[in-house]
């Protein structure tokens, strides 16, 4: 079985939590292909130099220095949506070229395929909004759920309930249409 693993490029957290997953997959005899961008891809290439890797379009978020995070992210939303579509096209090509059997996407909404099982890893099932933006919280959660529901399953790298490290972030709020599995802390 050949599995594509693709972490998000917003820092190294997504890539570092993919390391134990890649080790487990390889330990079970799966062939792993990695895809990503920026420092997260570089980290996985350094950790697994023998694995084939592909470059994906990068999100390259810009963090605010003088305004609220929510407005800074909202201003970048059109670029993020373009990146999601672009990474989906590249992943489709990788699935064909590598004869991939499954995809594990760590917070990359475009890294999925209708041709093979695709899993989405996230600890943000319920994106938290600032109190003054509570009026938009339901819409943000609905959009997030609609993207996650395009996958075949959702894995949460956390524990469920009171022992959760992510707290309310890792609680789905409204039910997802795909199976949700808590992996425990990675």
N, C-alpha and C. Protein backbone atom coordinates (compact mmCIF):
# COMPACT_ATOMS: atom_id res chain seq x y z
N UNK A 1 0.85 -1.17 0.00
CA UNK A 1 0.00 0.00 0.00
C UNK A 1 0.89 1.24 0.00
N UNK A 2 0.58 2.21 -0.87
CA UNK A 2 1.35 3.45 -0.95
C UNK A 2 0.48 4.58 -0.44
N UNK A 3 0.99 5.31 0.56
CA UNK A 3 0.22 6.36 1.22
C UNK A 3 0.93 7.70 1.07
N UNK A 4 0.18 8.69 0.66
CA UNK A 4 0.68 10.06 0.55
C UNK A 4 0.38 10.77 1.86
N UNK A 5 1.42 11.37 2.47
CA UNK A 5 1.26 12.14 3.70
C UNK A 5 1.63 13.59 3.38
N UNK A 6 0.72 14.53 3.69
CA UNK A 6 0.91 15.93 3.31
C UNK A 6 0.56 16.87 4.46
N UNK A 7 1.56 17.41 5.16
CA UNK A 7 1.28 18.36 6.25
C UNK A 7 1.21 19.81 5.76
N UNK A 8 0.47 20.61 6.48
CA UNK A 8 0.36 22.04 6.23
C UNK A 8 1.70 22.72 6.50
N UNK A 9 1.93 23.85 5.89
CA UNK A 9 3.20 24.56 6.02
C UNK A 9 3.15 25.75 6.97
N UNK A 10 2.21 25.79 7.88
CA UNK A 10 2.12 26.89 8.85
C UNK A 10 2.93 26.50 10.08
N UNK A 11 4.22 26.68 10.03
CA UNK A 11 5.09 26.27 11.12
C UNK A 11 5.46 24.81 10.97
N UNK A 12 6.02 24.23 12.04
CA UNK A 12 6.49 22.84 11.97
C UNK A 12 5.60 21.85 12.72
N UNK A 13 4.59 22.34 13.41
CA UNK A 13 3.75 21.45 14.20
C UNK A 13 3.06 20.38 13.40
N UNK A 14 2.56 20.73 12.23
CA UNK A 14 1.86 19.75 11.39
C UNK A 14 2.83 18.66 10.93
N UNK A 15 4.02 19.07 10.54
CA UNK A 15 5.01 18.09 10.07
C UNK A 15 5.50 17.21 11.22
N UNK A 16 5.74 17.80 12.39
CA UNK A 16 6.25 16.99 13.50
C UNK A 16 5.23 15.96 13.97
N UNK A 17 3.94 16.28 13.90
CA UNK A 17 2.98 15.27 14.31
C UNK A 17 2.75 14.22 13.22
N UNK A 18 3.23 14.47 12.01
CA UNK A 18 3.18 13.45 10.96
C UNK A 18 4.32 12.44 11.09
N UNK A 19 5.39 12.81 11.78
CA UNK A 19 6.55 11.92 11.91
C UNK A 19 6.16 10.58 12.55
N UNK A 20 5.47 10.55 13.71
CA UNK A 20 5.10 9.24 14.25
C UNK A 20 4.12 8.48 13.36
N UNK A 21 3.29 9.20 12.62
CA UNK A 21 2.36 8.54 11.71
C UNK A 21 3.12 7.87 10.57
N UNK A 22 4.09 8.57 10.01
CA UNK A 22 4.91 8.00 8.94
C UNK A 22 5.69 6.80 9.45
N UNK A 23 6.24 6.91 10.64
CA UNK A 23 6.98 5.76 11.22
C UNK A 23 6.06 4.56 11.40
N UNK A 24 4.85 4.80 11.88
CA UNK A 24 3.90 3.70 12.08
C UNK A 24 3.50 3.07 10.75
N UNK A 25 3.24 3.90 9.75
CA UNK A 25 2.88 3.37 8.44
C UNK A 25 4.00 2.51 7.87
N UNK A 26 5.22 3.01 7.95
CA UNK A 26 6.36 2.25 7.44
C UNK A 26 6.57 0.96 8.23
N UNK A 27 6.36 1.04 9.54
CA UNK A 27 6.48 -0.14 10.39
C UNK A 27 5.47 -1.22 10.05
N UNK A 28 4.36 -0.81 9.48
CA UNK A 28 3.31 -1.75 9.07
C UNK A 28 3.47 -2.18 7.62
N UNK A 29 4.58 -1.76 6.99
CA UNK A 29 4.89 -2.21 5.64
C UNK A 29 4.37 -1.33 4.52
N UNK A 30 3.82 -0.18 4.84
CA UNK A 30 3.33 0.72 3.79
C UNK A 30 4.49 1.51 3.20
N UNK A 31 4.35 1.83 1.93
CA UNK A 31 5.28 2.74 1.28
C UNK A 31 4.70 4.14 1.46
N UNK A 32 5.53 5.09 1.86
CA UNK A 32 5.05 6.44 2.12
C UNK A 32 5.70 7.41 1.14
N UNK A 33 4.87 8.30 0.62
CA UNK A 33 5.31 9.41 -0.22
C UNK A 33 4.92 10.67 0.55
N UNK A 34 5.81 11.66 0.60
CA UNK A 34 5.49 12.89 1.31
C UNK A 34 5.30 14.04 0.33
N UNK A 35 4.46 14.98 0.72
CA UNK A 35 4.25 16.18 -0.10
C UNK A 35 4.02 17.35 0.84
N UNK A 36 4.48 18.49 0.44
CA UNK A 36 4.31 19.67 1.27
C UNK A 36 5.03 20.85 0.69
N UNK A 37 5.30 21.81 1.55
CA UNK A 37 6.00 23.01 1.13
C UNK A 37 6.74 23.62 2.31
N UNK A 38 7.69 24.47 1.98
CA UNK A 38 8.40 25.22 2.99
C UNK A 38 9.15 24.37 3.99
N UNK A 39 9.26 24.90 5.21
CA UNK A 39 10.04 24.25 6.26
C UNK A 39 9.46 22.91 6.68
N UNK A 40 8.13 22.75 6.58
CA UNK A 40 7.53 21.47 6.98
C UNK A 40 7.96 20.34 6.04
N UNK A 41 8.00 20.62 4.74
CA UNK A 41 8.49 19.62 3.79
C UNK A 41 9.97 19.36 4.01
N UNK A 42 10.74 20.41 4.23
CA UNK A 42 12.18 20.25 4.46
C UNK A 42 12.44 19.38 5.70
N UNK A 43 11.65 19.56 6.75
CA UNK A 43 11.82 18.75 7.97
C UNK A 43 11.56 17.28 7.66
N UNK A 44 10.48 16.98 6.94
CA UNK A 44 10.19 15.58 6.63
C UNK A 44 11.23 14.98 5.69
N UNK A 45 11.74 15.78 4.76
CA UNK A 45 12.80 15.29 3.87
C UNK A 45 14.07 14.99 4.66
N UNK A 46 14.35 15.79 5.66
CA UNK A 46 15.53 15.55 6.50
C UNK A 46 15.33 14.32 7.39
N UNK A 47 14.13 14.18 7.92
CA UNK A 47 13.82 13.05 8.81
C UNK A 47 13.72 11.73 8.04
N UNK A 48 13.23 11.81 6.79
CA UNK A 48 13.04 10.61 5.96
C UNK A 48 13.68 10.83 4.59
N UNK A 49 15.01 10.85 4.53
CA UNK A 49 15.69 11.19 3.26
C UNK A 49 15.47 10.19 2.13
N UNK A 50 15.05 8.98 2.44
CA UNK A 50 14.86 7.99 1.39
C UNK A 50 13.45 8.01 0.78
N UNK A 51 12.55 8.79 1.37
CA UNK A 51 11.18 8.83 0.86
C UNK A 51 11.08 9.78 -0.32
N UNK A 52 10.28 9.40 -1.28
CA UNK A 52 10.01 10.27 -2.42
C UNK A 52 9.16 11.43 -1.93
N UNK A 53 9.46 12.62 -2.42
CA UNK A 53 8.71 13.79 -1.97
C UNK A 53 8.30 14.67 -3.14
N UNK A 54 7.22 15.38 -2.93
CA UNK A 54 6.67 16.29 -3.92
C UNK A 54 6.42 17.65 -3.27
N UNK A 55 6.56 18.68 -4.07
CA UNK A 55 6.30 20.03 -3.60
C UNK A 55 4.84 20.40 -3.91
N UNK A 56 4.19 20.99 -2.93
CA UNK A 56 2.82 21.48 -3.09
C UNK A 56 2.83 23.01 -3.02
N UNK A 57 1.81 23.64 -3.56
CA UNK A 57 1.72 25.09 -3.40
C UNK A 57 1.69 25.45 -1.92
N UNK A 58 2.40 26.50 -1.54
CA UNK A 58 2.45 26.91 -0.14
C UNK A 58 1.41 27.95 0.19
N UNK A 59 0.93 27.91 1.42
CA UNK A 59 -0.04 28.91 1.88
C UNK A 59 0.65 30.22 2.24
N UNK A 60 1.81 30.12 2.85
CA UNK A 60 2.62 31.28 3.23
C UNK A 60 1.78 32.37 3.89
N UNK A 61 1.17 32.06 5.03
CA UNK A 61 0.34 33.07 5.69
C UNK A 61 1.19 34.23 6.21
N UNK A 62 0.61 35.39 6.19
CA UNK A 62 1.26 36.56 6.77
C UNK A 62 0.54 36.87 8.07
N UNK A 63 1.32 36.92 9.15
CA UNK A 63 0.74 37.18 10.46
C UNK A 63 0.75 38.68 10.74
N UNK A 64 -0.30 39.17 11.40
CA UNK A 64 -0.43 40.61 11.61
C UNK A 64 0.56 41.13 12.65
N UNK A 65 0.96 42.35 12.45
CA UNK A 65 1.80 43.02 13.44
C UNK A 65 1.02 44.12 14.14
N UNK A 66 -0.01 44.65 13.47
CA UNK A 66 -0.72 45.77 14.07
C UNK A 66 -2.24 45.66 14.00
N UNK A 67 -2.76 44.49 13.68
CA UNK A 67 -4.21 44.33 13.67
C UNK A 67 -4.57 42.93 14.13
N UNK A 68 -5.84 42.69 14.31
CA UNK A 68 -6.32 41.42 14.84
C UNK A 68 -6.07 40.28 13.85
N UNK A 69 -5.78 39.12 14.39
CA UNK A 69 -5.51 37.93 13.60
C UNK A 69 -6.68 37.59 12.68
N UNK A 70 -7.91 37.70 13.18
CA UNK A 70 -9.07 37.31 12.38
C UNK A 70 -9.16 38.15 11.11
N UNK A 71 -8.87 39.43 11.18
CA UNK A 71 -8.93 40.29 9.99
C UNK A 71 -7.78 39.98 9.04
N UNK A 72 -6.62 39.69 9.60
CA UNK A 72 -5.47 39.35 8.75
C UNK A 72 -5.73 38.06 7.97
N UNK A 73 -6.32 37.08 8.63
CA UNK A 73 -6.63 35.81 7.96
C UNK A 73 -7.76 36.01 6.94
N UNK A 74 -8.76 36.79 7.30
CA UNK A 74 -9.87 37.05 6.37
C UNK A 74 -9.37 37.73 5.10
N UNK A 75 -8.43 38.64 5.24
CA UNK A 75 -7.89 39.34 4.07
C UNK A 75 -7.14 38.38 3.14
N UNK A 76 -6.59 37.30 3.69
CA UNK A 76 -5.83 36.34 2.90
C UNK A 76 -6.68 35.18 2.38
N UNK A 77 -7.94 35.14 2.77
CA UNK A 77 -8.82 34.04 2.40
C UNK A 77 -8.87 33.76 0.90
N UNK A 78 -8.97 34.75 0.03
CA UNK A 78 -8.98 34.45 -1.41
C UNK A 78 -7.72 33.71 -1.86
N UNK A 79 -6.56 34.10 -1.34
CA UNK A 79 -5.31 33.42 -1.69
C UNK A 79 -5.31 32.00 -1.13
N UNK A 80 -5.81 31.80 0.07
CA UNK A 80 -5.87 30.46 0.66
C UNK A 80 -6.78 29.55 -0.16
N UNK A 81 -7.91 30.06 -0.62
CA UNK A 81 -8.83 29.25 -1.44
C UNK A 81 -8.19 28.88 -2.78
N UNK A 82 -7.43 29.80 -3.35
CA UNK A 82 -6.69 29.50 -4.59
C UNK A 82 -5.67 28.41 -4.34
N UNK A 83 -4.99 28.46 -3.19
CA UNK A 83 -4.00 27.44 -2.84
C UNK A 83 -4.66 26.08 -2.65
N UNK A 84 -5.82 26.05 -2.04
CA UNK A 84 -6.55 24.79 -1.84
C UNK A 84 -6.86 24.15 -3.20
N UNK A 85 -7.34 24.94 -4.13
CA UNK A 85 -7.65 24.40 -5.47
C UNK A 85 -6.37 23.92 -6.17
N UNK A 86 -5.30 24.69 -6.05
CA UNK A 86 -4.04 24.33 -6.70
C UNK A 86 -3.46 23.05 -6.10
N UNK A 87 -3.48 22.92 -4.77
CA UNK A 87 -2.93 21.71 -4.17
C UNK A 87 -3.79 20.49 -4.52
N UNK A 88 -5.09 20.70 -4.69
CA UNK A 88 -5.95 19.58 -5.10
C UNK A 88 -5.55 19.07 -6.49
N UNK A 89 -5.26 19.99 -7.41
CA UNK A 89 -4.82 19.59 -8.75
C UNK A 89 -3.49 18.82 -8.68
N UNK A 90 -2.55 19.32 -7.89
CA UNK A 90 -1.24 18.65 -7.78
C UNK A 90 -1.40 17.28 -7.14
N UNK A 91 -2.21 17.17 -6.10
CA UNK A 91 -2.42 15.89 -5.43
C UNK A 91 -3.07 14.89 -6.39
N UNK A 92 -3.98 15.34 -7.22
CA UNK A 92 -4.59 14.45 -8.22
C UNK A 92 -3.53 13.88 -9.15
N UNK A 93 -2.58 14.70 -9.53
CA UNK A 93 -1.48 14.24 -10.39
C UNK A 93 -0.58 13.25 -9.65
N UNK A 94 -0.30 13.51 -8.37
CA UNK A 94 0.53 12.60 -7.58
C UNK A 94 -0.16 11.25 -7.42
N UNK A 95 -1.46 11.26 -7.14
CA UNK A 95 -2.22 10.01 -6.98
C UNK A 95 -2.09 9.16 -8.23
N UNK A 96 -2.22 9.78 -9.39
CA UNK A 96 -2.09 9.05 -10.66
C UNK A 96 -0.66 8.58 -10.91
N UNK A 97 0.30 9.48 -10.76
CA UNK A 97 1.69 9.17 -11.08
C UNK A 97 2.27 8.11 -10.15
N UNK A 98 1.90 8.14 -8.88
CA UNK A 98 2.48 7.23 -7.88
C UNK A 98 1.60 6.04 -7.56
N UNK A 99 0.41 5.99 -8.15
CA UNK A 99 -0.53 4.92 -7.83
C UNK A 99 -0.78 4.86 -6.32
N UNK A 100 -1.08 6.01 -5.75
CA UNK A 100 -1.31 6.15 -4.31
C UNK A 100 -2.59 5.41 -3.92
N UNK A 101 -2.55 4.72 -2.78
CA UNK A 101 -3.70 3.97 -2.28
C UNK A 101 -4.55 4.76 -1.29
N UNK A 102 -3.92 5.75 -0.61
CA UNK A 102 -4.63 6.55 0.39
C UNK A 102 -3.86 7.85 0.62
N UNK A 103 -4.57 8.83 1.16
CA UNK A 103 -3.97 10.13 1.46
C UNK A 103 -4.23 10.46 2.92
N UNK A 104 -3.19 10.97 3.59
CA UNK A 104 -3.33 11.52 4.94
C UNK A 104 -2.91 12.99 4.83
N UNK A 105 -3.88 13.86 5.02
CA UNK A 105 -3.67 15.30 4.89
C UNK A 105 -3.73 15.94 6.27
N UNK A 106 -2.65 16.57 6.68
CA UNK A 106 -2.65 17.27 7.96
C UNK A 106 -3.00 18.74 7.69
N UNK A 107 -4.26 19.06 7.82
CA UNK A 107 -4.79 20.41 7.68
C UNK A 107 -4.64 21.03 6.30
N UNK A 108 -4.44 20.23 5.27
CA UNK A 108 -4.42 20.73 3.89
C UNK A 108 -5.75 20.32 3.25
N UNK A 109 -6.65 21.29 3.16
CA UNK A 109 -8.01 21.02 2.70
C UNK A 109 -8.08 20.52 1.26
N UNK A 110 -7.09 20.81 0.43
CA UNK A 110 -7.09 20.37 -0.96
C UNK A 110 -6.41 19.04 -1.19
N UNK A 111 -5.81 18.47 -0.17
CA UNK A 111 -5.08 17.20 -0.33
C UNK A 111 -6.00 16.03 -0.09
N UNK A 112 -6.83 15.78 -1.08
CA UNK A 112 -7.78 14.68 -1.03
C UNK A 112 -8.05 14.23 -2.45
N UNK A 113 -8.68 13.07 -2.57
CA UNK A 113 -9.01 12.55 -3.88
C UNK A 113 -10.30 11.75 -3.79
N UNK A 114 -11.08 11.82 -4.83
CA UNK A 114 -12.29 10.98 -4.90
C UNK A 114 -11.94 9.55 -5.30
N UNK A 115 -10.69 9.34 -5.74
CA UNK A 115 -10.27 8.03 -6.23
C UNK A 115 -9.70 7.12 -5.14
N UNK A 116 -9.24 7.70 -4.04
CA UNK A 116 -8.66 6.90 -2.96
C UNK A 116 -9.15 7.45 -1.62
N UNK A 117 -9.16 6.62 -0.58
CA UNK A 117 -9.55 7.12 0.75
C UNK A 117 -8.63 8.27 1.17
N UNK A 118 -9.24 9.31 1.70
CA UNK A 118 -8.50 10.51 2.11
C UNK A 118 -8.89 10.88 3.53
N UNK A 119 -7.88 11.01 4.39
CA UNK A 119 -8.08 11.31 5.79
C UNK A 119 -7.58 12.73 6.07
N UNK A 120 -8.33 13.47 6.87
CA UNK A 120 -7.96 14.83 7.26
C UNK A 120 -7.58 14.82 8.73
N UNK A 121 -6.38 15.30 9.05
CA UNK A 121 -5.94 15.42 10.44
C UNK A 121 -6.08 16.87 10.86
N UNK A 122 -6.74 17.08 11.99
CA UNK A 122 -6.85 18.43 12.54
C UNK A 122 -7.16 18.37 14.03
N UNK A 123 -6.76 19.39 14.74
CA UNK A 123 -7.20 19.55 16.12
C UNK A 123 -8.17 20.73 16.20
N UNK A 124 -8.53 21.29 15.04
CA UNK A 124 -9.44 22.43 15.00
C UNK A 124 -10.76 22.06 14.32
N UNK A 125 -11.56 21.32 15.03
CA UNK A 125 -12.90 21.03 14.53
C UNK A 125 -13.82 22.21 14.75
N UNK A 126 -13.57 22.92 15.80
CA UNK A 126 -14.40 24.08 16.15
C UNK A 126 -13.47 25.29 16.29
N UNK A 127 -13.33 26.03 15.21
CA UNK A 127 -12.42 27.18 15.20
C UNK A 127 -12.96 28.25 16.15
N UNK A 128 -12.12 28.67 17.06
CA UNK A 128 -12.52 29.67 18.05
C UNK A 128 -12.39 31.08 17.47
N UNK A 129 -13.41 31.87 17.68
CA UNK A 129 -13.43 33.26 17.23
C UNK A 129 -13.38 34.16 18.46
N UNK A 130 -12.81 35.36 18.31
CA UNK A 130 -12.83 36.30 19.43
C UNK A 130 -14.27 36.64 19.82
N UNK A 131 -14.48 37.03 21.05
CA UNK A 131 -15.85 37.31 21.53
C UNK A 131 -16.57 38.33 20.66
N UNK A 132 -15.85 39.35 20.22
CA UNK A 132 -16.52 40.38 19.43
C UNK A 132 -16.89 39.88 18.03
N UNK A 133 -16.38 38.69 17.66
CA UNK A 133 -16.69 38.10 16.36
C UNK A 133 -17.59 36.87 16.51
N UNK A 134 -18.18 36.69 17.69
CA UNK A 134 -19.01 35.51 17.96
C UNK A 134 -20.14 35.35 16.95
N UNK A 135 -20.62 36.44 16.40
CA UNK A 135 -21.72 36.41 15.44
C UNK A 135 -21.37 35.62 14.18
N UNK A 136 -20.09 35.50 13.87
CA UNK A 136 -19.67 34.79 12.65
C UNK A 136 -19.18 33.37 12.94
N UNK A 137 -19.11 33.02 14.21
CA UNK A 137 -18.58 31.72 14.63
C UNK A 137 -19.31 30.55 13.98
N UNK A 138 -20.64 30.60 13.93
CA UNK A 138 -21.41 29.52 13.32
C UNK A 138 -21.10 29.32 11.86
N UNK A 139 -20.96 30.42 11.12
CA UNK A 139 -20.64 30.34 9.69
C UNK A 139 -19.24 29.78 9.47
N UNK A 140 -18.29 30.20 10.29
CA UNK A 140 -16.91 29.69 10.18
C UNK A 140 -16.89 28.19 10.45
N UNK A 141 -17.58 27.76 11.47
CA UNK A 141 -17.63 26.32 11.78
C UNK A 141 -18.31 25.53 10.68
N UNK A 142 -19.37 26.09 10.11
CA UNK A 142 -20.08 25.40 9.02
C UNK A 142 -19.17 25.25 7.79
N UNK A 143 -18.44 26.28 7.44
CA UNK A 143 -17.52 26.21 6.30
C UNK A 143 -16.41 25.20 6.58
N UNK A 144 -15.85 25.23 7.79
CA UNK A 144 -14.80 24.28 8.17
C UNK A 144 -15.32 22.85 8.06
N UNK A 145 -16.51 22.59 8.59
CA UNK A 145 -17.11 21.25 8.51
C UNK A 145 -17.34 20.83 7.06
N UNK A 146 -17.75 21.78 6.21
CA UNK A 146 -18.03 21.42 4.82
C UNK A 146 -16.75 20.97 4.11
N UNK A 147 -15.62 21.57 4.44
CA UNK A 147 -14.34 21.15 3.85
C UNK A 147 -13.90 19.80 4.42
N UNK A 148 -14.04 19.62 5.72
CA UNK A 148 -13.65 18.34 6.34
C UNK A 148 -14.53 17.21 5.81
N UNK A 149 -15.81 17.48 5.58
CA UNK A 149 -16.73 16.45 5.09
C UNK A 149 -16.42 15.99 3.67
N UNK A 150 -15.52 16.64 2.98
CA UNK A 150 -15.09 16.20 1.65
C UNK A 150 -14.11 15.02 1.75
N UNK A 151 -13.62 14.77 2.95
CA UNK A 151 -12.70 13.66 3.19
C UNK A 151 -13.50 12.44 3.60
N UNK A 152 -12.80 11.31 3.74
CA UNK A 152 -13.47 10.07 4.13
C UNK A 152 -13.47 9.84 5.63
N UNK A 153 -12.56 10.52 6.33
CA UNK A 153 -12.48 10.41 7.79
C UNK A 153 -11.70 11.60 8.32
N UNK A 154 -11.87 11.86 9.60
CA UNK A 154 -11.14 12.93 10.27
C UNK A 154 -10.44 12.34 11.50
N UNK A 155 -9.14 12.56 11.57
CA UNK A 155 -8.35 12.11 12.72
C UNK A 155 -7.98 13.32 13.56
N UNK A 156 -8.17 13.19 14.86
CA UNK A 156 -7.83 14.27 15.78
C UNK A 156 -6.64 13.84 16.63
N UNK A 157 -5.51 14.56 16.53
CA UNK A 157 -4.33 14.19 17.29
C UNK A 157 -4.42 14.68 18.74
N UNK A 158 -5.35 14.10 19.46
CA UNK A 158 -5.63 14.53 20.83
C UNK A 158 -6.46 13.44 21.50
N UNK A 159 -6.71 13.66 22.79
CA UNK A 159 -7.62 12.79 23.53
C UNK A 159 -9.00 13.43 23.54
N UNK A 160 -10.02 12.62 23.67
CA UNK A 160 -11.39 13.12 23.69
C UNK A 160 -11.78 13.51 25.12
N UNK A 161 -12.59 14.53 25.22
CA UNK A 161 -13.19 14.88 26.51
C UNK A 161 -12.31 15.73 27.41
N UNK A 162 -12.46 15.51 28.72
CA UNK A 162 -11.79 16.34 29.73
C UNK A 162 -10.27 16.29 29.65
N UNK A 163 -9.71 15.22 29.14
CA UNK A 163 -8.25 15.08 29.07
C UNK A 163 -7.67 15.66 27.78
N UNK A 164 -8.52 16.29 26.98
CA UNK A 164 -8.09 16.89 25.72
C UNK A 164 -7.13 18.04 25.96
N UNK A 165 -6.08 18.11 25.16
CA UNK A 165 -5.15 19.24 25.25
C UNK A 165 -5.68 20.45 24.49
N UNK A 166 -6.41 20.22 23.41
CA UNK A 166 -6.92 21.32 22.59
C UNK A 166 -8.26 21.86 23.10
N UNK A 167 -8.88 21.17 24.01
CA UNK A 167 -10.14 21.63 24.58
C UNK A 167 -11.24 21.79 23.54
N UNK A 168 -11.90 22.94 23.56
CA UNK A 168 -13.05 23.19 22.68
C UNK A 168 -12.67 23.15 21.20
N UNK A 169 -11.41 23.41 20.87
CA UNK A 169 -10.98 23.34 19.46
C UNK A 169 -11.21 21.96 18.87
N UNK A 170 -11.01 20.92 19.68
CA UNK A 170 -11.09 19.55 19.18
C UNK A 170 -12.48 18.93 19.34
N UNK A 171 -13.44 19.72 19.73
CA UNK A 171 -14.81 19.22 19.83
C UNK A 171 -15.56 19.64 18.57
N UNK A 172 -16.23 18.70 17.91
CA UNK A 172 -16.83 19.02 16.62
C UNK A 172 -17.99 20.00 16.66
N UNK A 173 -18.57 20.28 17.81
CA UNK A 173 -19.76 21.14 17.83
C UNK A 173 -20.88 20.37 17.14
N UNK A 174 -21.24 20.76 15.95
CA UNK A 174 -22.21 20.00 15.16
C UNK A 174 -21.53 18.75 14.63
N UNK A 175 -22.30 17.72 14.42
CA UNK A 175 -21.76 16.43 13.96
C UNK A 175 -21.20 16.52 12.55
N UNK A 176 -20.03 15.92 12.36
CA UNK A 176 -19.46 15.79 11.02
C UNK A 176 -20.12 14.63 10.31
N UNK A 177 -20.10 14.64 8.99
CA UNK A 177 -20.68 13.57 8.20
C UNK A 177 -19.69 12.41 7.99
N UNK A 178 -18.45 12.60 8.42
CA UNK A 178 -17.42 11.57 8.24
C UNK A 178 -17.04 11.02 9.63
N UNK A 179 -16.51 9.78 9.65
CA UNK A 179 -16.07 9.22 10.93
C UNK A 179 -14.95 10.06 11.55
N UNK A 180 -15.03 10.26 12.85
CA UNK A 180 -14.02 11.02 13.59
C UNK A 180 -13.32 10.04 14.54
N UNK A 181 -11.98 10.06 14.51
CA UNK A 181 -11.19 9.18 15.38
C UNK A 181 -10.19 10.02 16.15
N UNK A 182 -10.18 9.88 17.46
CA UNK A 182 -9.18 10.55 18.30
C UNK A 182 -7.97 9.65 18.38
N UNK A 183 -6.80 10.16 17.96
CA UNK A 183 -5.58 9.37 17.90
C UNK A 183 -4.80 9.35 19.21
N UNK A 184 -5.15 10.23 20.13
CA UNK A 184 -4.33 10.44 21.31
C UNK A 184 -3.26 11.49 20.96
N UNK A 185 -2.47 11.83 21.94
CA UNK A 185 -1.45 12.85 21.75
C UNK A 185 -0.29 12.27 20.95
N UNK A 186 0.08 12.97 19.88
CA UNK A 186 1.21 12.52 19.06
C UNK A 186 2.47 13.21 19.50
